[in-house]
Amino acid sequence: MVKFTHSLPVIVMLAAAASAAPLAARATPPGHADTLLIHRVQEEERMNLPRRGLSMAQVEKGWGAPLRKLSPRGGDSRKHPVINRWDYAKFIVYFERNRVIHAVLNTPAGNNTNPAAVD
């Protein structure tokens, strides 16, 4: 006869997760997250953010000195180039080596509200 002593906790966890799923689904209205993302993208398009390909010198000339320059990441191999991040009051600019690869709004809707926290 097979004993199921090890599978009992797994069954209990699956049952608990299944009962919590409908509650999580009701917590966020349908399409709400999509709407927030669309509004954020539209706001970024309206703003004058540094565009891809600009150099660090061009960004500093056009938008001034950043509030802070965060520690570079990567650079340990050719597949992982150095990524620099500059924090401005309303946006963050990401550089690969010394060229802009992306600029994003610094909003509570994103996960980039405190980029220094990940340093």
PDB file of N, CA and C in Angstrom:
ATOM      1  N   MET A   1       0.838  -1.178   0.000  1.00  0.00           N
ATOM      2  CA  MET A   1       0.000   0.000   0.000  1.00  0.00           C
ATOM      3  C   MET A   1       0.887   1.247   0.000  1.00  0.00           C
ATOM      4  N   VAL A   2       0.517   2.251  -0.786  1.00  0.00           N
ATOM      5  CA  VAL A   2       1.286   3.477  -0.918  1.00  0.00           C
ATOM      6  C   VAL A   2       0.750   4.506   0.061  1.00  0.00           C
ATOM      7  N   LYS A   3       1.676   5.130   0.795  1.00  0.00           N
ATOM      8  CA  LYS A   3       1.282   6.193   1.724  1.00  0.00           C
ATOM      9  C   LYS A   3       1.479   7.546   1.042  1.00  0.00           C
ATOM     10  N   PHE A   4       0.547   8.453   1.260  1.00  0.00           N
ATOM     11  CA  PHE A   4       0.590   9.765   0.627  1.00  0.00           C
ATOM     12  C   PHE A   4       0.926  10.859   1.637  1.00  0.00           C
ATOM     13  N   THR A   5       1.810  10.593   2.557  1.00  0.00           N
ATOM     14  CA  THR A   5       2.128  11.570   3.595  1.00  0.00           C
ATOM     15  C   THR A   5       2.868  12.776   3.040  1.00  0.00           C
ATOM     16  N   HIS A   6       3.692  12.579   2.001  1.00  0.00           N
ATOM     17  CA  HIS A   6       4.442  13.706   1.440  1.00  0.00           C
ATOM     18  C   HIS A   6       3.596  14.544   0.499  1.00  0.00           C
ATOM     19  N   SER A   7       2.604  13.968  -0.094  1.00  0.00           N
ATOM     20  CA  SER A   7       1.800  14.719  -1.048  1.00  0.00           C
ATOM     21  C   SER A   7       0.679  15.501  -0.383  1.00  0.00           C
ATOM     22  N   LEU A   8       0.363  15.223   0.867  1.00  0.00           N
ATOM     23  CA  LEU A   8      -0.708  15.936   1.557  1.00  0.00           C
ATOM     24  C   LEU A   8      -0.433  17.434   1.634  1.00  0.00           C
ATOM     25  N   PRO A   9       0.760  17.897   2.046  1.00  0.00           N
ATOM     26  CA  PRO A   9       0.995  19.350   2.064  1.00  0.00           C
ATOM     27  C   PRO A   9       0.860  19.979   0.674  1.00  0.00           C
ATOM     28  N   VAL A  10       1.263  19.272  -0.354  1.00  0.00           N
ATOM     29  CA  VAL A  10       1.154  19.795  -1.714  1.00  0.00           C
ATOM     30  C   VAL A  10      -0.315  19.951  -2.098  1.00  0.00           C
ATOM     31  N   ILE A  11      -1.125  18.974  -1.759  1.00  0.00           N
ATOM     32  CA  ILE A  11      -2.556  19.036  -2.067  1.00  0.00           C
ATOM     33  C   ILE A  11      -3.208  20.196  -1.331  1.00  0.00           C
ATOM     34  N   VAL A  12      -2.836  20.394  -0.084  1.00  0.00           N
ATOM     35  CA  VAL A  12      -3.395  21.496   0.714  1.00  0.00           C
ATOM     36  C   VAL A  12      -2.997  22.838   0.099  1.00  0.00           C
ATOM     37  N   MET A  13      -1.726  22.970  -0.320  1.00  0.00           N
ATOM     38  CA  MET A  13      -1.268  24.232  -0.926  1.00  0.00           C
ATOM     39  C   MET A  13      -1.984  24.498  -2.248  1.00  0.00           C
ATOM     40  N   LEU A  14      -2.183  23.467  -3.058  1.00  0.00           N
ATOM     41  CA  LEU A  14      -2.891  23.639  -4.327  1.00  0.00           C
ATOM     42  C   LEU A  14      -4.339  24.046  -4.104  1.00  0.00           C
ATOM     43  N   ALA A  15      -4.972  23.451  -3.112  1.00  0.00           N
ATOM     44  CA  ALA A  15      -6.358  23.802  -2.796  1.00  0.00           C
ATOM     45  C   ALA A  15      -6.455  25.247  -2.322  1.00  0.00           C
ATOM     46  N   ALA A  16      -5.499  25.670  -1.495  1.00  0.00           N
ATOM     47  CA  ALA A  16      -5.500  27.051  -1.008  1.00  0.00           C
ATOM     48  C   ALA A  16      -5.270  28.029  -2.157  1.00  0.00           C
ATOM     49  N   ALA A  17      -4.351  27.693  -3.050  1.00  0.00           N
ATOM     50  CA  ALA A  17      -4.079  28.567  -4.197  1.00  0.00           C
ATOM     51  C   ALA A  17      -5.289  28.656  -5.114  1.00  0.00           C
ATOM     52  N   ALA A  18      -5.963  27.544  -5.317  1.00  0.00           N
ATOM     53  CA  ALA A  18      -7.139  27.537  -6.182  1.00  0.00           C
ATOM     54  C   ALA A  18      -8.265  28.384  -5.598  1.00  0.00           C
ATOM     55  N   SER A  19      -8.414  28.362  -4.290  1.00  0.00           N
ATOM     56  CA  SER A  19      -9.474  29.161  -3.679  1.00  0.00           C
ATOM     57  C   SER A  19      -9.123  30.639  -3.652  1.00  0.00           C
ATOM     58  N   ALA A  20      -7.828  30.980  -3.650  1.00  0.00           N
ATOM     59  CA  ALA A  20      -7.410  32.388  -3.622  1.00  0.00           C
ATOM     60  C   ALA A  20      -7.417  33.005  -5.012  1.00  0.00           C
ATOM     61  N   ALA A  21      -7.318  32.212  -6.058  1.00  0.00           N
ATOM     62  CA  ALA A  21      -7.246  32.733  -7.422  1.00  0.00           C
ATOM     63  C   ALA A  21      -8.446  33.608  -7.792  1.00  0.00           C
ATOM     64  N   PRO A  22      -9.686  33.197  -7.496  1.00  0.00           N
ATOM     65  CA  PRO A  22     -10.810  34.076  -7.843  1.00  0.00           C
ATOM     66  C   PRO A  22     -10.759  35.419  -7.114  1.00  0.00           C
ATOM     67  N   LEU A  23     -10.234  35.442  -5.882  1.00  0.00           N
ATOM     68  CA  LEU A  23     -10.113  36.705  -5.146  1.00  0.00           C
ATOM     69  C   LEU A  23      -9.111  37.618  -5.820  1.00  0.00           C
ATOM     70  N   ALA A  24      -7.981  37.071  -6.266  1.00  0.00           N
ATOM     71  CA  ALA A  24      -6.967  37.878  -6.941  1.00  0.00           C
ATOM     72  C   ALA A  24      -7.496  38.407  -8.259  1.00  0.00           C
ATOM     73  N   ALA A  25      -8.271  37.625  -8.946  1.00  0.00           N
ATOM     74  CA  ALA A  25      -8.825  38.052 -10.226  1.00  0.00           C
ATOM     75  C   ALA A  25      -9.790  39.213 -10.036  1.00  0.00           C
ATOM     76  N   ARG A  26     -10.536  39.218  -8.917  1.00  0.00           N
ATOM     77  CA  ARG A  26     -11.481  40.304  -8.668  1.00  0.00           C
ATOM     78  C   ARG A  26     -10.783  41.560  -8.170  1.00  0.00           C
ATOM     79  N   ALA A  27      -9.550  41.461  -7.649  1.00  0.00           N
ATOM     80  CA  ALA A  27      -8.857  42.614  -7.079  1.00  0.00           C
ATOM     81  C   ALA A  27      -8.514  43.653  -8.147  1.00  0.00           C
ATOM     82  N   THR A  28      -8.190  43.234  -9.368  1.00  0.00           N
ATOM     83  CA  THR A  28      -7.861  44.142 -10.451  1.00  0.00           C
ATOM     84  C   THR A  28      -8.938  44.046 -11.513  1.00  0.00           C
ATOM     85  N   PRO A  29      -9.599  45.173 -11.818  1.00  0.00           N
ATOM     86  CA  PRO A  29     -10.643  45.144 -12.839  1.00  0.00           C
ATOM     87  C   PRO A  29     -10.076  44.654 -14.172  1.00  0.00           C
ATOM     88  N   PRO A  30     -10.887  43.985 -14.963  1.00  0.00           N
ATOM     89  CA  PRO A  30     -10.408  43.489 -16.262  1.00  0.00           C
ATOM     90  C   PRO A  30      -9.882  44.621 -17.124  1.00  0.00           C
ATOM     91  N   GLY A  31      -8.692  44.424 -17.676  1.00  0.00           N
ATOM     92  CA  GLY A  31      -8.101  45.428 -18.555  1.00  0.00           C
ATOM     93  C   GLY A  31      -7.482  46.614 -17.848  1.00  0.00           C
ATOM     94  N   HIS A  32      -7.552  46.662 -16.520  1.00  0.00           N
ATOM     95  CA  HIS A  32      -7.043  47.815 -15.772  1.00  0.00           C
ATOM     96  C   HIS A  32      -5.532  47.967 -15.942  1.00  0.00           C
ATOM     97  N   ALA A  33      -4.789  46.880 -15.830  1.00  0.00           N
ATOM     98  CA  ALA A  33      -3.330  46.950 -15.972  1.00  0.00           C
ATOM     99  C   ALA A  33      -2.951  47.368 -17.379  1.00  0.00           C
ATOM    100  N   ASP A  34      -3.682  46.866 -18.379  1.00  0.00           N
ATOM    101  CA  ASP A  34      -3.424  47.256 -19.758  1.00  0.00           C
ATOM    102  C   ASP A  34      -3.658  48.751 -19.945  1.00  0.00           C
ATOM    103  N   THR A  35      -4.702  49.277 -19.325  1.00  0.00           N
ATOM    104  CA  THR A  35      -5.023  50.688 -19.439  1.00  0.00           C
ATOM    105  C   THR A  35      -3.919  51.541 -18.837  1.00  0.00           C
ATOM    106  N   LEU A  36      -3.405  51.139 -17.663  1.00  0.00           N
ATOM    107  CA  LEU A  36      -2.322  51.883 -17.033  1.00  0.00           C
ATOM    108  C   LEU A  36      -1.088  51.901 -17.921  1.00  0.00           C
ATOM    109  N   LEU A  37      -0.749  50.783 -18.515  1.00  0.00           N
ATOM    110  CA  LEU A  37       0.416  50.704 -19.385  1.00  0.00           C
ATOM    111  C   LEU A  37       0.234  51.572 -20.623  1.00  0.00           C
ATOM    112  N   ILE A  38      -0.961  51.567 -21.200  1.00  0.00           N
ATOM    113  CA  ILE A  38      -1.226  52.390 -22.378  1.00  0.00           C
ATOM    114  C   ILE A  38      -1.071  53.867 -22.048  1.00  0.00           C
ATOM    115  N   HIS A  39      -1.606  54.291 -20.905  1.00  0.00           N
ATOM    116  CA  HIS A  39      -1.489  55.693 -20.499  1.00  0.00           C
ATOM    117  C   HIS A  39      -0.027  56.072 -20.285  1.00  0.00           C
ATOM    118  N   ARG A  40       0.744  55.170 -19.702  1.00  0.00           N
ATOM    119  CA  ARG A  40       2.156  55.454 -19.455  1.00  0.00           C
ATOM    120  C   ARG A  40       2.913  55.598 -20.772  1.00  0.00           C
ATOM    121  N   VAL A  41       2.661  54.717 -21.713  1.00  0.00           N
ATOM    122  CA  VAL A  41       3.332  54.787 -23.014  1.00  0.00           C
ATOM    123  C   VAL A  41       2.941  56.077 -23.731  1.00  0.00           C
ATOM    124  N   GLN A  42       1.661  56.442 -23.677  1.00  0.00           N
ATOM    125  CA  GLN A  42       1.211  57.678 -24.316  1.00  0.00           C
ATOM    126  C   GLN A  42       1.874  58.893 -23.673  1.00  0.00           C
ATOM    127  N   GLU A  43       2.018  58.878 -22.354  1.00  0.00           N
ATOM    128  CA  GLU A  43       2.662  59.991 -21.662  1.00  0.00           C
ATOM    129  C   GLU A  43       4.135  60.082 -22.053  1.00  0.00           C
ATOM    130  N   GLU A  44       4.816  58.933 -22.163  1.00  0.00           N
ATOM    131  CA  GLU A  44       6.217  58.930 -22.585  1.00  0.00           C
ATOM    132  C   GLU A  44       6.364  59.498 -23.991  1.00  0.00           C
ATOM    133  N   GLU A  45       5.419  59.175 -24.883  1.00  0.00           N
ATOM    134  CA  GLU A  45       5.472  59.678 -26.254  1.00  0.00           C
ATOM    135  C   GLU A  45       5.301  61.192 -26.303  1.00  0.00           C
ATOM    136  N   ARG A  46       4.493  61.750 -25.399  1.00  0.00           N
ATOM    137  CA  ARG A  46       4.263  63.199 -25.372  1.00  0.00           C
ATOM    138  C   ARG A  46       5.458  63.950 -24.790  1.00  0.00           C
ATOM    139  N   MET A  47       6.202  63.304 -23.913  1.00  0.00           N
ATOM    140  CA  MET A  47       7.333  63.963 -23.261  1.00  0.00           C
ATOM    141  C   MET A  47       8.542  63.992 -24.190  1.00  0.00           C
ATOM    142  N   ASN A  48       9.398  64.921 -23.928  1.00  0.00           N
ATOM    143  CA  ASN A  48      10.636  65.046 -24.685  1.00  0.00           C
ATOM    144  C   ASN A  48      11.721  64.243 -23.957  1.00  0.00           C
ATOM    145  N   LEU A  49      11.712  62.931 -24.163  1.00  0.00           N
ATOM    146  CA  LEU A  49      12.706  62.067 -23.526  1.00  0.00           C
ATOM    147  C   LEU A  49      13.882  61.844 -24.469  1.00  0.00           C
ATOM    148  N   PRO A  50      15.076  61.595 -23.913  1.00  0.00           N
ATOM    149  CA  PRO A  50      16.218  61.292 -24.784  1.00  0.00           C
ATOM    150  C   PRO A  50      15.912  60.090 -25.672  1.00  0.00           C
ATOM    151  N   ARG A  51      16.243  60.193 -26.931  1.00  0.00           N
ATOM    152  CA  ARG A  51      15.932  59.112 -27.868  1.00  0.00           C
ATOM    153  C   ARG A  51      17.125  58.167 -28.014  1.00  0.00           C
ATOM    154  N   ARG A  52      16.815  56.998 -28.464  1.00  0.00           N
ATOM    155  CA  ARG A  52      17.803  55.936 -28.645  1.00  0.00           C
ATOM    156  C   ARG A  52      18.943  56.413 -29.556  1.00  0.00           C
ATOM    157  N   GLY A  53      20.174  56.097 -29.148  1.00  0.00           N
ATOM    158  CA  GLY A  53      21.344  56.417 -29.960  1.00  0.00           C
ATOM    159  C   GLY A  53      22.089  57.672 -29.556  1.00  0.00           C
ATOM    160  N   LEU A  54      21.452  58.539 -28.752  1.00  0.00           N
ATOM    161  CA  LEU A  54      22.157  59.743 -28.307  1.00  0.00           C
ATOM    162  C   LEU A  54      23.310  59.356 -27.384  1.00  0.00           C
ATOM    163  N   SER A  55      24.368  60.161 -27.411  1.00  0.00           N
ATOM    164  CA  SER A  55      25.508  59.904 -26.521  1.00  0.00           C
ATOM    165  C   SER A  55      25.237  60.507 -25.140  1.00  0.00           C
ATOM    166  N   MET A  56      26.042  60.112 -24.175  1.00  0.00           N
ATOM    167  CA  MET A  56      25.906  60.674 -22.824  1.00  0.00           C
ATOM    168  C   MET A  56      26.104  62.193 -22.860  1.00  0.00           C
ATOM    169  N   ALA A  57      27.060  62.656 -23.656  1.00  0.00           N
ATOM    170  CA  ALA A  57      27.320  64.090 -23.754  1.00  0.00           C
ATOM    171  C   ALA A  57      26.108  64.823 -24.336  1.00  0.00           C
ATOM    172  N   GLN A  58      25.468  64.231 -25.349  1.00  0.00           N
ATOM    173  CA  GLN A  58      24.286  64.856 -25.948  1.00  0.00           C
ATOM    174  C   GLN A  58      23.132  64.915 -24.955  1.00  0.00           C
ATOM    175  N   VAL A  59      22.955  63.859 -24.167  1.00  0.00           N
ATOM    176  CA  VAL A  59      21.884  63.843 -23.167  1.00  0.00           C
ATOM    177  C   VAL A  59      22.152  64.915 -22.113  1.00  0.00           C
ATOM    178  N   GLU A  60      23.381  64.991 -21.641  1.00  0.00           N
ATOM    179  CA  GLU A  60      23.711  65.985 -20.618  1.00  0.00           C
ATOM    180  C   GLU A  60      23.561  67.407 -21.164  1.00  0.00           C
ATOM    181  N   LYS A  61      23.912  67.612 -22.425  1.00  0.00           N
ATOM    182  CA  LYS A  61      23.760  68.930 -23.043  1.00  0.00           C
ATOM    183  C   LYS A  61      22.287  69.298 -23.196  1.00  0.00           C
ATOM    184  N   GLY A  62      21.459  68.332 -23.589  1.00  0.00           N
ATOM    185  CA  GLY A  62      20.048  68.612 -23.842  1.00  0.00           C
ATOM    186  C   GLY A  62      19.158  68.639 -22.608  1.00  0.00           C
ATOM    187  N   TRP A  63      19.460  67.824 -21.608  1.00  0.00           N
ATOM    188  CA  TRP A  63      18.594  67.701 -20.430  1.00  0.00           C
ATOM    189  C   TRP A  63      19.287  68.097 -19.139  1.00  0.00           C
ATOM    190  N   GLY A  64      20.531  68.505 -19.221  1.00  0.00           N
ATOM    191  CA  GLY A  64      21.274  68.908 -18.034  1.00  0.00           C
ATOM    192  C   GLY A  64      21.852  67.712 -17.295  1.00  0.00           C
ATOM    193  N   ALA A  65      22.517  67.999 -16.210  1.00  0.00           N
ATOM    194  CA  ALA A  65      23.126  66.938 -15.408  1.00  0.00           C
ATOM    195  C   ALA A  65      22.033  66.151 -14.691  1.00  0.00           C
ATOM    196  N   PRO A  66      22.182  64.842 -14.606  1.00  0.00           N
ATOM    197  CA  PRO A  66      21.178  64.044 -13.894  1.00  0.00           C
ATOM    198  C   PRO A  66      21.260  64.295 -12.384  1.00  0.00           C
ATOM    199  N   LEU A  67      20.181  63.954 -11.692  1.00  0.00           N
ATOM    200  CA  LEU A  67      20.197  64.052 -10.234  1.00  0.00           C
ATOM    201  C   LEU A  67      21.249  63.125  -9.652  1.00  0.00           C
ATOM    202  N   ARG A  68      21.377  61.943 -10.272  1.00  0.00           N
ATOM    203  CA  ARG A  68      22.431  60.997  -9.869  1.00  0.00           C
ATOM    204  C   ARG A  68      22.713  60.037 -11.009  1.00  0.00           C
ATOM    205  N   LYS A  69      23.946  59.594 -11.007  1.00  0.00           N
ATOM    206  CA  LYS A  69      24.388  58.581 -11.962  1.00  0.00           C
ATOM    207  C   LYS A  69      24.577  57.305 -11.164  1.00  0.00           C
ATOM    208  N   LEU A  70      23.749  56.327 -11.444  1.00  0.00           N
ATOM    209  CA  LEU A  70      23.798  55.082 -10.684  1.00  0.00           C
ATOM    210  C   LEU A  70      24.973  54.223 -11.127  1.00  0.00           C
ATOM    211  N   SER A  71      25.355  53.312 -10.276  1.00  0.00           N
ATOM    212  CA  SER A  71      26.498  52.434 -10.549  1.00  0.00           C
ATOM    213  C   SER A  71      26.273  51.644 -11.829  1.00  0.00           C
ATOM    214  N   PRO A  72      27.313  51.559 -12.671  1.00  0.00           N
ATOM    215  CA  PRO A  72      27.169  50.752 -13.895  1.00  0.00           C
ATOM    216  C   PRO A  72      26.997  49.275 -13.568  1.00  0.00           C
ATOM    217  N   ARG A  73      26.311  48.574 -14.449  1.00  0.00           N
ATOM    218  CA  ARG A  73      26.094  47.128 -14.304  1.00  0.00           C
ATOM    219  C   ARG A  73      26.622  46.433 -15.541  1.00  0.00           C
ATOM    220  N   GLY A  74      26.960  45.161 -15.398  1.00  0.00           N
ATOM    221  CA  GLY A  74      27.404  44.360 -16.532  1.00  0.00           C
ATOM    222  C   GLY A  74      28.862  44.606 -16.840  1.00  0.00           C
ATOM    223  N   GLY A  75      29.226  44.359 -18.106  1.00  0.00           N
ATOM    224  CA  GLY A  75      30.593  44.554 -18.543  1.00  0.00           C
ATOM    225  C   GLY A  75      31.498  43.365 -18.297  1.00  0.00           C
ATOM    226  N   ASP A  76      30.914  42.271 -17.794  1.00  0.00           N
ATOM    227  CA  ASP A  76      31.734  41.105 -17.482  1.00  0.00           C
ATOM    228  C   ASP A  76      32.030  40.246 -18.703  1.00  0.00           C
ATOM    229  N   SER A  77      31.337  40.487 -19.816  1.00  0.00           N
ATOM    230  CA  SER A  77      31.610  39.751 -21.047  1.00  0.00           C
ATOM    231  C   SER A  77      31.058  40.545 -22.229  1.00  0.00           C
ATOM    232  N   ARG A  78      31.371  40.089 -23.420  1.00  0.00           N
ATOM    233  CA  ARG A  78      30.878  40.758 -24.628  1.00  0.00           C
ATOM    234  C   ARG A  78      29.357  40.683 -24.714  1.00  0.00           C
ATOM    235  N   LYS A  79      28.774  39.620 -24.198  1.00  0.00           N
ATOM    236  CA  LYS A  79      27.315  39.464 -24.210  1.00  0.00           C
ATOM    237  C   LYS A  79      26.631  40.340 -23.171  1.00  0.00           C
ATOM    238  N   HIS A  80      27.391  40.837 -22.210  1.00  0.00           N
ATOM    239  CA  HIS A  80      26.844  41.668 -21.140  1.00  0.00           C
ATOM    240  C   HIS A  80      27.572  43.012 -21.112  1.00  0.00           C
ATOM    241  N   PRO A  81      27.229  43.932 -22.025  1.00  0.00           N
ATOM    242  CA  PRO A  81      27.914  45.226 -22.054  1.00  0.00           C
ATOM    243  C   PRO A  81      27.582  46.052 -20.817  1.00  0.00           C
ATOM    244  N   VAL A  82      28.381  47.056 -20.587  1.00  0.00           N
ATOM    245  CA  VAL A  82      28.154  47.948 -19.446  1.00  0.00           C
ATOM    246  C   VAL A  82      26.861  48.733 -19.676  1.00  0.00           C
ATOM    247  N   ILE A  83      25.980  48.697 -18.684  1.00  0.00           N
ATOM    248  CA  ILE A  83      24.725  49.455 -18.714  1.00  0.00           C
ATOM    249  C   ILE A  83      24.814  50.529 -17.631  1.00  0.00           C
ATOM    250  N   ASN A  84      24.642  51.774 -18.026  1.00  0.00           N
ATOM    251  CA  ASN A  84      24.630  52.903 -17.095  1.00  0.00           C
ATOM    252  C   ASN A  84      23.221  53.433 -16.989  1.00  0.00           C
ATOM    253  N   ARG A  85      22.875  53.951 -15.806  1.00  0.00           N
ATOM    254  CA  ARG A  85      21.546  54.527 -15.579  1.00  0.00           C
ATOM    255  C   ARG A  85      21.710  55.912 -14.977  1.00  0.00           C
ATOM    256  N   TRP A  86      21.038  56.863 -15.579  1.00  0.00           N
ATOM    257  CA  TRP A  86      21.021  58.217 -15.057  1.00  0.00           C
ATOM    258  C   TRP A  86      19.610  58.530 -14.591  1.00  0.00           C
ATOM    259  N   ASP A  87      19.503  59.052 -13.389  1.00  0.00           N
ATOM    260  CA  ASP A  87      18.217  59.359 -12.775  1.00  0.00           C
ATOM    261  C   ASP A  87      17.946  60.856 -12.855  1.00  0.00           C
ATOM    262  N   TYR A  88      16.884  61.210 -13.563  1.00  0.00           N
ATOM    263  CA  TYR A  88      16.404  62.591 -13.622  1.00  0.00           C
ATOM    264  C   TYR A  88      15.124  62.674 -12.783  1.00  0.00           C
ATOM    265  N   ALA A  89      14.617  63.858 -12.561  1.00  0.00           N
ATOM    266  CA  ALA A  89      13.437  64.036 -11.714  1.00  0.00           C
ATOM    267  C   ALA A  89      12.225  63.258 -12.232  1.00  0.00           C
ATOM    268  N   LYS A  90      12.007  63.247 -13.539  1.00  0.00           N
ATOM    269  CA  LYS A  90      10.801  62.613 -14.082  1.00  0.00           C
ATOM    270  C   LYS A  90      11.070  61.370 -14.925  1.00  0.00           C
ATOM    271  N   PHE A  91      12.328  61.050 -15.184  1.00  0.00           N
ATOM    272  CA  PHE A  91      12.616  59.884 -16.018  1.00  0.00           C
ATOM    273  C   PHE A  91      13.992  59.317 -15.710  1.00  0.00           C
ATOM    274  N   ILE A  92      14.231  58.118 -16.221  1.00  0.00           N
ATOM    275  CA  ILE A  92      15.520  57.446 -16.092  1.00  0.00           C
ATOM    276  C   ILE A  92      16.006  57.131 -17.498  1.00  0.00           C
ATOM    277  N   VAL A  93      17.283  57.353 -17.737  1.00  0.00           N
ATOM    278  CA  VAL A  93      17.878  57.050 -19.037  1.00  0.00           C
ATOM    279  C   VAL A  93      18.825  55.870 -18.851  1.00  0.00           C
ATOM    280  N   TYR A  94      18.678  54.870 -19.732  1.00  0.00           N
ATOM    281  CA  TYR A  94      19.539  53.692 -19.724  1.00  0.00           C
ATOM    282  C   TYR A  94      20.492  53.780 -20.909  1.00  0.00           C
ATOM    283  N   PHE A  95      21.773  53.576 -20.646  1.00  0.00           N
ATOM    284  CA  PHE A  95      22.801  53.625 -21.674  1.00  0.00           C
ATOM    285  C   PHE A  95      23.474  52.261 -21.789  1.00  0.00           C
ATOM    286  N   GLU A  96      23.757  51.860 -23.022  1.00  0.00           N
ATOM    287  CA  GLU A  96      24.650  50.724 -23.249  1.00  0.00           C
ATOM    288  C   GLU A  96      25.973  51.353 -23.627  1.00  0.00           C
ATOM    289  N   ARG A  97      26.966  51.116 -22.789  1.00  0.00           N
ATOM    290  CA  ARG A  97      28.245  51.810 -22.879  1.00  0.00           C
ATOM    291  C   ARG A  97      27.964  53.304 -22.753  1.00  0.00           C
ATOM    292  N   ASN A  98      28.013  54.083 -23.829  1.00  0.00           N
ATOM    293  CA  ASN A  98      27.742  55.523 -23.696  1.00  0.00           C
ATOM    294  C   ASN A  98      26.614  55.999 -24.607  1.00  0.00           C
ATOM    295  N   ARG A  99      25.766  55.070 -25.087  1.00  0.00           N
ATOM    296  CA  ARG A  99      24.652  55.425 -25.971  1.00  0.00           C
ATOM    297  C   ARG A  99      23.307  55.077 -25.344  1.00  0.00           C
ATOM    298  N   VAL A 100      22.320  55.951 -25.522  1.00  0.00           N
ATOM    299  CA  VAL A 100      20.976  55.714 -24.980  1.00  0.00           C
ATOM    300  C   VAL A 100      20.378  54.474 -25.635  1.00  0.00           C
ATOM    301  N   ILE A 101      19.854  53.582 -24.787  1.00  0.00           N
ATOM    302  CA  ILE A 101      19.088  52.458 -25.316  1.00  0.00           C
ATOM    303  C   ILE A 101      17.610  52.592 -24.956  1.00  0.00           C
ATOM    304  N   HIS A 102      17.313  53.356 -23.871  1.00  0.00           N
ATOM    305  CA  HIS A 102      15.909  53.520 -23.482  1.00  0.00           C
ATOM    306  C   HIS A 102      15.800  54.630 -22.446  1.00  0.00           C
ATOM    307  N   ALA A 103      14.680  55.311 -22.451  1.00  0.00           N
ATOM    308  CA  ALA A 103      14.354  56.297 -21.416  1.00  0.00           C
ATOM    309  C   ALA A 103      12.925  56.017 -20.981  1.00  0.00           C
ATOM    310  N   VAL A 104      12.700  55.964 -19.672  1.00  0.00           N
ATOM    311  CA  VAL A 104      11.375  55.645 -19.135  1.00  0.00           C
ATOM    312  C   VAL A 104      10.970  56.653 -18.071  1.00  0.00           C
ATOM    313  N   LEU A 105       9.665  56.851 -17.953  1.00  0.00           N
ATOM    314  CA  LEU A 105       9.147  57.735 -16.907  1.00  0.00           C
ATOM    315  C   LEU A 105       9.405  57.148 -15.541  1.00  0.00           C
ATOM    316  N   ASN A 106       9.622  57.999 -14.612  1.00  0.00           N
ATOM    317  CA  ASN A 106       9.825  57.609 -13.227  1.00  0.00           C
ATOM    318  C   ASN A 106       8.491  57.788 -12.502  1.00  0.00           C
ATOM    319  N   THR A 107       7.592  56.784 -12.643  1.00  0.00           N
ATOM    320  CA  THR A 107       6.239  56.909 -12.116  1.00  0.00           C
ATOM    321  C   THR A 107       5.943  55.821 -11.101  1.00  0.00           C
ATOM    322  N   PRO A 108       4.994  56.063 -10.192  1.00  0.00           N
ATOM    323  CA  PRO A 108       4.602  55.040  -9.229  1.00  0.00           C
ATOM    324  C   PRO A 108       4.021  53.802  -9.895  1.00  0.00           C
ATOM    325  N   ALA A 109       3.530  53.916 -11.136  1.00  0.00           N
ATOM    326  CA  ALA A 109       2.948  52.756 -11.813  1.00  0.00           C
ATOM    327  C   ALA A 109       4.005  51.744 -12.209  1.00  0.00           C
ATOM    328  N   GLY A 110       5.245  52.189 -12.313  1.00  0.00           N
ATOM    329  CA  GLY A 110       6.325  51.286 -12.727  1.00  0.00           C
ATOM    330  C   GLY A 110       7.101  50.760 -11.546  1.00  0.00           C
ATOM    331  N   ASN A 111       8.086  49.954 -11.823  1.00  0.00           N
ATOM    332  CA  ASN A 111       8.924  49.418 -10.756  1.00  0.00           C
ATOM    333  C   ASN A 111      10.223  50.190 -10.662  1.00  0.00           C
ATOM    334  N   ASN A 112      10.275  51.360 -11.230  1.00  0.00           N
ATOM    335  CA  ASN A 112      11.494  52.132 -11.251  1.00  0.00           C
ATOM    336  C   ASN A 112      11.388  53.412 -10.423  1.00  0.00           C
ATOM    337  N   THR A 113      10.584  53.397  -9.349  1.00  0.00           N
ATOM    338  CA  THR A 113      10.406  54.607  -8.563  1.00  0.00           C
ATOM    339  C   THR A 113      11.623  54.941  -7.724  1.00  0.00           C
ATOM    340  N   ASN A 114      12.414  53.942  -7.375  1.00  0.00           N
ATOM    341  CA  ASN A 114      13.620  54.181  -6.594  1.00  0.00           C
ATOM    342  C   ASN A 114      14.750  53.312  -7.116  1.00  0.00           C
ATOM    343  N   PRO A 115      15.356  53.706  -8.240  1.00  0.00           N
ATOM    344  CA  PRO A 115      16.368  52.866  -8.846  1.00  0.00           C
ATOM    345  C   PRO A 115      17.596  52.688  -7.976  1.00  0.00           C
ATOM    346  N   ALA A 116      17.834  53.611  -7.066  1.00  0.00           N
ATOM    347  CA  ALA A 116      19.003  53.482  -6.188  1.00  0.00           C
ATOM    348  C   ALA A 116      18.846  52.329  -5.222  1.00  0.00           C
ATOM    349  N   ALA A 117      17.617  51.897  -4.987  1.00  0.00           N
ATOM    350  CA  ALA A 117      17.375  50.807  -4.041  1.00  0.00           C
ATOM    351  C   ALA A 117      17.947  49.487  -4.521  1.00  0.00           C
ATOM    352  N   VAL A 118      18.145  49.337  -5.828  1.00  0.00           N
ATOM    353  CA  VAL A 118      18.687  48.084  -6.352  1.00  0.00           C
ATOM    354  C   VAL A 118      20.199  48.121  -6.471  1.00  0.00           C
ATOM    355  N   ASP A 119      20.807  49.207  -6.124  1.00  0.00           N
ATOM    356  CA  ASP A 119      22.276  49.299  -6.176  1.00  0.00           C
ATOM    357  C   ASP A 119      22.931  48.534  -5.076  1.00  0.00           C
TER     358      ASP A 119
END
